[in-house]
Amino acid sequence: MSENESEELRPEYRREDLGEGIRGKYLEAYRAGTNLVLLSPKVAKVFSTEESVNAALRQLIEVAQKSVGPTKRAGRRKAG
């Protein structure tokens, strides 16, 4: 078999070819509400760890909340 042929997909696969699966491997993280987000390469260079991304986002939330402040809900005006 040539090197090129080994990189092609087979028409069908057997379960044994896929290795041993682990049932429920990510269940705990799923139940905890973990979200995975794909960062663009430029952002990933600046924020290389989970902690740095979360710290930056928390600071952004804090600044945004301070700059906007509480808003009043528009009520209906009485005709008159």
PDB file of N, CA and C in Angstrom:
ATOM      1  N   MET A   1       0.852  -1.170   0.000  1.00  0.00           N
ATOM      2  CA  MET A   1       0.000   0.000   0.000  1.00  0.00           C
ATOM      3  C   MET A   1       0.898   1.233   0.000  1.00  0.00           C
ATOM      4  N   SER A   2       0.595   2.187  -0.850  1.00  0.00           N
ATOM      5  CA  SER A   2       1.403   3.400  -0.916  1.00  0.00           C
ATOM      6  C   SER A   2       1.018   4.334   0.223  1.00  0.00           C
ATOM      7  N   GLU A   3       1.873   5.325   0.496  1.00  0.00           N
ATOM      8  CA  GLU A   3       1.616   6.283   1.566  1.00  0.00           C
ATOM      9  C   GLU A   3       0.335   7.070   1.288  1.00  0.00           C
ATOM     10  N   ASN A   4       0.081   7.366   0.033  1.00  0.00           N
ATOM     11  CA  ASN A   4      -1.105   8.128  -0.352  1.00  0.00           C
ATOM     12  C   ASN A   4      -2.381   7.348  -0.072  1.00  0.00           C
ATOM     13  N   GLU A   5      -2.372   6.052  -0.298  1.00  0.00           N
ATOM     14  CA  GLU A   5      -3.550   5.214  -0.077  1.00  0.00           C
ATOM     15  C   GLU A   5      -3.910   5.124   1.401  1.00  0.00           C
ATOM     16  N   SER A   6      -2.910   5.143   2.292  1.00  0.00           N
ATOM     17  CA  SER A   6      -3.186   5.001   3.720  1.00  0.00           C
ATOM     18  C   SER A   6      -3.879   6.235   4.289  1.00  0.00           C
ATOM     19  N   GLU A   7      -3.830   7.380   3.613  1.00  0.00           N
ATOM     20  CA  GLU A   7      -4.456   8.605   4.082  1.00  0.00           C
ATOM     21  C   GLU A   7      -5.906   8.739   3.612  1.00  0.00           C
ATOM     22  N   GLU A   8      -6.345   7.851   2.733  1.00  0.00           N
ATOM     23  CA  GLU A   8      -7.705   7.936   2.220  1.00  0.00           C
ATOM     24  C   GLU A   8      -8.682   7.269   3.181  1.00  0.00           C
ATOM     25  N   LEU A   9      -9.924   7.732   3.172  1.00  0.00           N
ATOM     26  CA  LEU A   9     -10.961   7.114   3.986  1.00  0.00           C
ATOM     27  C   LEU A   9     -11.379   5.783   3.390  1.00  0.00           C
ATOM     28  N   ARG A  10     -11.662   4.852   4.253  1.00  0.00           N
ATOM     29  CA  ARG A  10     -12.161   3.563   3.791  1.00  0.00           C
ATOM     30  C   ARG A  10     -13.660   3.686   3.522  1.00  0.00           C
ATOM     31  N   PRO A  11     -14.209   2.840   2.695  1.00  0.00           N
ATOM     32  CA  PRO A  11     -15.650   2.888   2.431  1.00  0.00           C
ATOM     33  C   PRO A  11     -16.464   2.539   3.683  1.00  0.00           C
ATOM     34  N   GLU A  12     -15.906   1.744   4.598  1.00  0.00           N
ATOM     35  CA  GLU A  12     -16.611   1.422   5.836  1.00  0.00           C
ATOM     36  C   GLU A  12     -15.586   1.116   6.926  1.00  0.00           C
ATOM     37  N   TYR A  13     -15.992   1.297   8.160  1.00  0.00           N
ATOM     38  CA  TYR A  13     -15.130   1.039   9.302  1.00  0.00           C
ATOM     39  C   TYR A  13     -15.805   0.023  10.215  1.00  0.00           C
ATOM     40  N   ARG A  14     -14.985  -0.738  10.902  1.00  0.00           N
ATOM     41  CA  ARG A  14     -15.498  -1.664  11.904  1.00  0.00           C
ATOM     42  C   ARG A  14     -15.349  -0.997  13.264  1.00  0.00           C
ATOM     43  N   ARG A  15     -16.175  -1.360  14.206  1.00  0.00           N
ATOM     44  CA  ARG A  15     -16.128  -0.780  15.547  1.00  0.00           C
ATOM     45  C   ARG A  15     -14.743  -0.957  16.172  1.00  0.00           C
ATOM     46  N   GLU A  16     -14.112  -2.072  15.939  1.00  0.00           N
ATOM     47  CA  GLU A  16     -12.784  -2.351  16.494  1.00  0.00           C
ATOM     48  C   GLU A  16     -11.737  -1.351  15.982  1.00  0.00           C
ATOM     49  N   ASP A  17     -11.950  -0.816  14.772  1.00  0.00           N
ATOM     50  CA  ASP A  17     -10.995   0.122  14.189  1.00  0.00           C
ATOM     51  C   ASP A  17     -10.982   1.468  14.908  1.00  0.00           C
ATOM     52  N   LEU A  18     -12.042   1.772  15.664  1.00  0.00           N
ATOM     53  CA  LEU A  18     -12.180   3.083  16.280  1.00  0.00           C
ATOM     54  C   LEU A  18     -11.616   3.159  17.699  1.00  0.00           C
ATOM     55  N   GLY A  19     -11.157   2.048  18.233  1.00  0.00           N
ATOM     56  CA  GLY A  19     -10.589   2.049  19.571  1.00  0.00           C
ATOM     57  C   GLY A  19     -11.658   1.921  20.640  1.00  0.00           C
ATOM     58  N   GLU A  20     -11.202   1.892  21.881  1.00  0.00           N
ATOM     59  CA  GLU A  20     -12.112   1.705  22.995  1.00  0.00           C
ATOM     60  C   GLU A  20     -12.740   3.040  23.387  1.00  0.00           C
ATOM     61  N   GLY A  21     -14.046   3.086  23.421  1.00  0.00           N
ATOM     62  CA  GLY A  21     -14.748   4.299  23.849  1.00  0.00           C
ATOM     63  C   GLY A  21     -14.963   4.284  25.347  1.00  0.00           C
ATOM     64  N   ILE A  22     -15.067   5.469  25.918  1.00  0.00           N
ATOM     65  CA  ILE A  22     -15.317   5.587  27.348  1.00  0.00           C
ATOM     66  C   ILE A  22     -16.666   6.269  27.520  1.00  0.00           C
ATOM     67  N   ARG A  23     -17.644   5.524  27.997  1.00  0.00           N
ATOM     68  CA  ARG A  23     -18.992   6.045  28.161  1.00  0.00           C
ATOM     69  C   ARG A  23     -19.018   7.082  29.280  1.00  0.00           C
ATOM     70  N   GLY A  24     -19.621   8.232  28.987  1.00  0.00           N
ATOM     71  CA  GLY A  24     -19.783   9.277  29.986  1.00  0.00           C
ATOM     72  C   GLY A  24     -18.520  10.070  30.303  1.00  0.00           C
ATOM     73  N   LYS A  25     -17.559  10.044  29.429  1.00  0.00           N
ATOM     74  CA  LYS A  25     -16.264  10.682  29.675  1.00  0.00           C
ATOM     75  C   LYS A  25     -16.414  12.173  29.996  1.00  0.00           C
ATOM     76  N   TYR A  26     -17.328  12.855  29.327  1.00  0.00           N
ATOM     77  CA  TYR A  26     -17.493  14.294  29.508  1.00  0.00           C
ATOM     78  C   TYR A  26     -18.784  14.661  30.229  1.00  0.00           C
ATOM     79  N   LEU A  27     -19.465  13.689  30.807  1.00  0.00           N
ATOM     80  CA  LEU A  27     -20.761  13.932  31.434  1.00  0.00           C
ATOM     81  C   LEU A  27     -20.675  14.916  32.593  1.00  0.00           C
ATOM     82  N   GLU A  28     -19.691  14.771  33.456  1.00  0.00           N
ATOM     83  CA  GLU A  28     -19.567  15.656  34.615  1.00  0.00           C
ATOM     84  C   GLU A  28     -19.359  17.110  34.179  1.00  0.00           C
ATOM     85  N   ALA A  29     -18.502  17.331  33.211  1.00  0.00           N
ATOM     86  CA  ALA A  29     -18.273  18.688  32.709  1.00  0.00           C
ATOM     87  C   ALA A  29     -19.522  19.240  32.033  1.00  0.00           C
ATOM     88  N   TYR A  30     -20.237  18.395  31.326  1.00  0.00           N
ATOM     89  CA  TYR A  30     -21.474  18.815  30.676  1.00  0.00           C
ATOM     90  C   TYR A  30     -22.507  19.251  31.705  1.00  0.00           C
ATOM     91  N   ARG A  31     -22.651  18.470  32.747  1.00  0.00           N
ATOM     92  CA  ARG A  31     -23.615  18.805  33.795  1.00  0.00           C
ATOM     93  C   ARG A  31     -23.211  20.058  34.554  1.00  0.00           C
ATOM     94  N   ALA A  32     -21.931  20.329  34.641  1.00  0.00           N
ATOM     95  CA  ALA A  32     -21.448  21.522  35.334  1.00  0.00           C
ATOM     96  C   ALA A  32     -21.667  22.772  34.489  1.00  0.00           C
ATOM     97  N   GLY A  33     -22.022  22.587  33.233  1.00  0.00           N
ATOM     98  CA  GLY A  33     -22.301  23.721  32.366  1.00  0.00           C
ATOM     99  C   GLY A  33     -21.068  24.275  31.692  1.00  0.00           C
ATOM    100  N   THR A  34     -20.071  23.467  31.510  1.00  0.00           N
ATOM    101  CA  THR A  34     -18.848  23.914  30.857  1.00  0.00           C
ATOM    102  C   THR A  34     -19.113  24.228  29.397  1.00  0.00           C
ATOM    103  N   ASN A  35     -18.625  25.366  28.961  1.00  0.00           N
ATOM    104  CA  ASN A  35     -18.730  25.750  27.554  1.00  0.00           C
ATOM    105  C   ASN A  35     -17.331  25.796  26.958  1.00  0.00           C
ATOM    106  N   LEU A  36     -17.207  25.289  25.785  1.00  0.00           N
ATOM    107  CA  LEU A  36     -15.943  25.375  25.068  1.00  0.00           C
ATOM    108  C   LEU A  36     -16.081  26.445  24.011  1.00  0.00           C
ATOM    109  N   VAL A  37     -15.060  27.289  23.904  1.00  0.00           N
ATOM    110  CA  VAL A  37     -15.080  28.381  22.947  1.00  0.00           C
ATOM    111  C   VAL A  37     -13.777  28.335  22.157  1.00  0.00           C
ATOM    112  N   LEU A  38     -13.879  28.467  20.867  1.00  0.00           N
ATOM    113  CA  LEU A  38     -12.700  28.478  20.013  1.00  0.00           C
ATOM    114  C   LEU A  38     -12.222  29.916  19.858  1.00  0.00           C
ATOM    115  N   LEU A  39     -11.002  30.193  20.299  1.00  0.00           N
ATOM    116  CA  LEU A  39     -10.426  31.526  20.184  1.00  0.00           C
ATOM    117  C   LEU A  39      -9.700  31.651  18.857  1.00  0.00           C
ATOM    118  N   SER A  40      -9.745  32.836  18.289  1.00  0.00           N
ATOM    119  CA  SER A  40      -8.980  33.062  17.070  1.00  0.00           C
ATOM    120  C   SER A  40      -7.497  33.014  17.430  1.00  0.00           C
ATOM    121  N   PRO A  41      -6.639  32.702  16.485  1.00  0.00           N
ATOM    122  CA  PRO A  41      -5.204  32.593  16.784  1.00  0.00           C
ATOM    123  C   PRO A  41      -4.613  33.863  17.401  1.00  0.00           C
ATOM    124  N   LYS A  42      -5.044  35.036  16.957  1.00  0.00           N
ATOM    125  CA  LYS A  42      -4.515  36.290  17.512  1.00  0.00           C
ATOM    126  C   LYS A  42      -4.908  36.450  18.976  1.00  0.00           C
ATOM    127  N   VAL A  43      -6.144  36.112  19.301  1.00  0.00           N
ATOM    128  CA  VAL A  43      -6.611  36.211  20.690  1.00  0.00           C
ATOM    129  C   VAL A  43      -5.894  35.176  21.550  1.00  0.00           C
ATOM    130  N   ALA A  44      -5.712  33.980  21.034  1.00  0.00           N
ATOM    131  CA  ALA A  44      -5.058  32.905  21.779  1.00  0.00           C
ATOM    132  C   ALA A  44      -3.603  33.243  22.096  1.00  0.00           C
ATOM    133  N   LYS A  45      -2.953  34.038  21.268  1.00  0.00           N
ATOM    134  CA  LYS A  45      -1.572  34.450  21.556  1.00  0.00           C
ATOM    135  C   LYS A  45      -1.521  35.348  22.785  1.00  0.00           C
ATOM    136  N   VAL A  46      -2.525  36.189  22.941  1.00  0.00           N
ATOM    137  CA  VAL A  46      -2.556  37.127  24.064  1.00  0.00           C
ATOM    138  C   VAL A  46      -3.057  36.439  25.326  1.00  0.00           C
ATOM    139  N   PHE A  47      -4.105  35.636  25.195  1.00  0.00           N
ATOM    140  CA  PHE A  47      -4.710  34.949  26.326  1.00  0.00           C
ATOM    141  C   PHE A  47      -4.461  33.456  26.167  1.00  0.00           C
ATOM    142  N   SER A  48      -3.352  33.000  26.678  1.00  0.00           N
ATOM    143  CA  SER A  48      -2.931  31.620  26.421  1.00  0.00           C
ATOM    144  C   SER A  48      -3.470  30.610  27.424  1.00  0.00           C
ATOM    145  N   THR A  49      -4.112  31.100  28.512  1.00  0.00           N
ATOM    146  CA  THR A  49      -4.648  30.171  29.499  1.00  0.00           C
ATOM    147  C   THR A  49      -6.120  30.462  29.757  1.00  0.00           C
ATOM    148  N   GLU A  50      -6.810  29.477  30.280  1.00  0.00           N
ATOM    149  CA  GLU A  50      -8.217  29.624  30.648  1.00  0.00           C
ATOM    150  C   GLU A  50      -8.383  30.741  31.675  1.00  0.00           C
ATOM    151  N   GLU A  51      -7.459  30.800  32.628  1.00  0.00           N
ATOM    152  CA  GLU A  51      -7.530  31.807  33.677  1.00  0.00           C
ATOM    153  C   GLU A  51      -7.402  33.214  33.120  1.00  0.00           C
ATOM    154  N   SER A  52      -6.506  33.420  32.163  1.00  0.00           N
ATOM    155  CA  SER A  52      -6.314  34.764  31.606  1.00  0.00           C
ATOM    156  C   SER A  52      -7.529  35.219  30.802  1.00  0.00           C
ATOM    157  N   VAL A  53      -8.150  34.300  30.093  1.00  0.00           N
ATOM    158  CA  VAL A  53      -9.358  34.635  29.330  1.00  0.00           C
ATOM    159  C   VAL A  53     -10.482  35.011  30.289  1.00  0.00           C
ATOM    160  N   ASN A  54     -10.694  34.204  31.318  1.00  0.00           N
ATOM    161  CA  ASN A  54     -11.771  34.476  32.266  1.00  0.00           C
ATOM    162  C   ASN A  54     -11.540  35.771  33.027  1.00  0.00           C
ATOM    163  N   ALA A  55     -10.300  36.052  33.420  1.00  0.00           N
ATOM    164  CA  ALA A  55     -10.001  37.296  34.139  1.00  0.00           C
ATOM    165  C   ALA A  55     -10.306  38.508  33.260  1.00  0.00           C
ATOM    166  N   ALA A  56      -9.907  38.445  32.004  1.00  0.00           N
ATOM    167  CA  ALA A  56     -10.157  39.556  31.082  1.00  0.00           C
ATOM    168  C   ALA A  56     -11.650  39.762  30.859  1.00  0.00           C
ATOM    169  N   LEU A  57     -12.387  38.688  30.710  1.00  0.00           N
ATOM    170  CA  LEU A  57     -13.831  38.802  30.494  1.00  0.00           C
ATOM    171  C   LEU A  57     -14.540  39.336  31.737  1.00  0.00           C
ATOM    172  N   ARG A  58     -14.091  38.918  32.914  1.00  0.00           N
ATOM    173  CA  ARG A  58     -14.689  39.448  34.148  1.00  0.00           C
ATOM    174  C   ARG A  58     -14.454  40.952  34.271  1.00  0.00           C
ATOM    175  N   GLN A  59     -13.238  41.389  33.934  1.00  0.00           N
ATOM    176  CA  GLN A  59     -12.934  42.821  33.978  1.00  0.00           C
ATOM    177  C   GLN A  59     -13.781  43.587  32.970  1.00  0.00           C
ATOM    178  N   LEU A  60     -13.956  43.031  31.794  1.00  0.00           N
ATOM    179  CA  LEU A  60     -14.777  43.674  30.768  1.00  0.00           C
ATOM    180  C   LEU A  60     -16.226  43.798  31.235  1.00  0.00           C
ATOM    181  N   ILE A  61     -16.747  42.771  31.862  1.00  0.00           N
ATOM    182  CA  ILE A  61     -18.112  42.807  32.392  1.00  0.00           C
ATOM    183  C   ILE A  61     -18.233  43.901  33.443  1.00  0.00           C
ATOM    184  N   GLU A  62     -17.249  43.973  34.335  1.00  0.00           N
ATOM    185  CA  GLU A  62     -17.271  44.982  35.394  1.00  0.00           C
ATOM    186  C   GLU A  62     -17.257  46.393  34.819  1.00  0.00           C
ATOM    187  N   VAL A  63     -16.394  46.645  33.850  1.00  0.00           N
ATOM    188  CA  VAL A  63     -16.309  47.971  33.221  1.00  0.00           C
ATOM    189  C   VAL A  63     -17.613  48.292  32.499  1.00  0.00           C
ATOM    190  N   ALA A  64     -18.159  47.331  31.804  1.00  0.00           N
ATOM    191  CA  ALA A  64     -19.398  47.557  31.059  1.00  0.00           C
ATOM    192  C   ALA A  64     -20.552  47.874  32.015  1.00  0.00           C
ATOM    193  N   GLN A  65     -20.625  47.160  33.110  1.00  0.00           N
ATOM    194  CA  GLN A  65     -21.702  47.409  34.069  1.00  0.00           C
ATOM    195  C   GLN A  65     -21.561  48.777  34.729  1.00  0.00           C
ATOM    196  N   LYS A  66     -20.345  49.210  35.005  1.00  0.00           N
ATOM    197  CA  LYS A  66     -20.128  50.517  35.614  1.00  0.00           C
ATOM    198  C   LYS A  66     -20.437  51.643  34.636  1.00  0.00           C
ATOM    199  N   SER A  67     -20.105  51.437  33.369  1.00  0.00           N
ATOM    200  CA  SER A  67     -20.299  52.508  32.388  1.00  0.00           C
ATOM    201  C   SER A  67     -21.766  52.669  32.000  1.00  0.00           C
ATOM    202  N   VAL A  68     -22.512  51.598  32.007  1.00  0.00           N
ATOM    203  CA  VAL A  68     -23.916  51.655  31.629  1.00  0.00           C
ATOM    204  C   VAL A  68     -24.762  52.010  32.844  1.00  0.00           C
ATOM    205  N   GLY A  69     -24.491  51.394  33.952  1.00  0.00           N
ATOM    206  CA  GLY A  69     -25.260  51.629  35.160  1.00  0.00           C
ATOM    207  C   GLY A  69     -26.646  51.040  35.027  1.00  0.00           C
ATOM    208  N   PRO A  70     -27.418  51.179  36.085  1.00  0.00           N
ATOM    209  CA  PRO A  70     -28.781  50.625  36.029  1.00  0.00           C
ATOM    210  C   PRO A  70     -29.642  51.435  35.064  1.00  0.00           C
ATOM    211  N   THR A  71     -30.497  50.744  34.375  1.00  0.00           N
ATOM    212  CA  THR A  71     -31.395  51.422  33.435  1.00  0.00           C
ATOM    213  C   THR A  71     -32.811  51.321  33.943  1.00  0.00           C
ATOM    214  N   LYS A  72     -33.604  52.347  33.630  1.00  0.00           N
ATOM    215  CA  LYS A  72     -35.011  52.324  34.005  1.00  0.00           C
ATOM    216  C   LYS A  72     -35.805  51.746  32.850  1.00  0.00           C
ATOM    217  N   ARG A  73     -36.783  50.981  33.211  1.00  0.00           N
ATOM    218  CA  ARG A  73     -37.636  50.385  32.192  1.00  0.00           C
ATOM    219  C   ARG A  73     -38.641  51.437  31.749  1.00  0.00           C
ATOM    220  N   ALA A  74     -38.776  51.594  30.465  1.00  0.00           N
ATOM    221  CA  ALA A  74     -39.707  52.579  29.928  1.00  0.00           C
ATOM    222  C   ALA A  74     -41.136  52.158  30.244  1.00  0.00           C
ATOM    223  N   GLY A  75     -41.873  53.068  30.891  1.00  0.00           N
ATOM    224  CA  GLY A  75     -43.259  52.765  31.235  1.00  0.00           C
ATOM    225  C   GLY A  75     -44.201  53.399  30.232  1.00  0.00           C
ATOM    226  N   ARG A  76     -45.438  53.063  30.342  1.00  0.00           N
ATOM    227  CA  ARG A  76     -46.445  53.637  29.444  1.00  0.00           C
ATOM    228  C   ARG A  76     -46.832  55.016  29.964  1.00  0.00           C
ATOM    229  N   ARG A  77     -46.947  55.944  29.072  1.00  0.00           N
ATOM    230  CA  ARG A  77     -47.374  57.292  29.440  1.00  0.00           C
ATOM    231  C   ARG A  77     -48.896  57.388  29.410  1.00  0.00           C
ATOM    232  N   LYS A  78     -49.403  58.169  30.315  1.00  0.00           N
ATOM    233  CA  LYS A  78     -50.851  58.364  30.340  1.00  0.00           C
ATOM    234  C   LYS A  78     -51.236  59.368  29.278  1.00  0.00           C
ATOM    235  N   ALA A  79     -52.282  59.066  28.580  1.00  0.00           N
ATOM    236  CA  ALA A  79     -52.787  59.986  27.551  1.00  0.00           C
ATOM    237  C   ALA A  79     -53.427  61.173  28.271  1.00  0.00           C
ATOM    238  N   GLY A  80     -53.183  62.369  27.793  1.00  0.00           N
ATOM    239  CA  GLY A  80     -53.840  63.418  28.513  1.00  0.00           C
ATOM    240  C   GLY A  80     -53.458  64.719  28.142  1.00  0.00           C
TER     241      GLY A  80
END
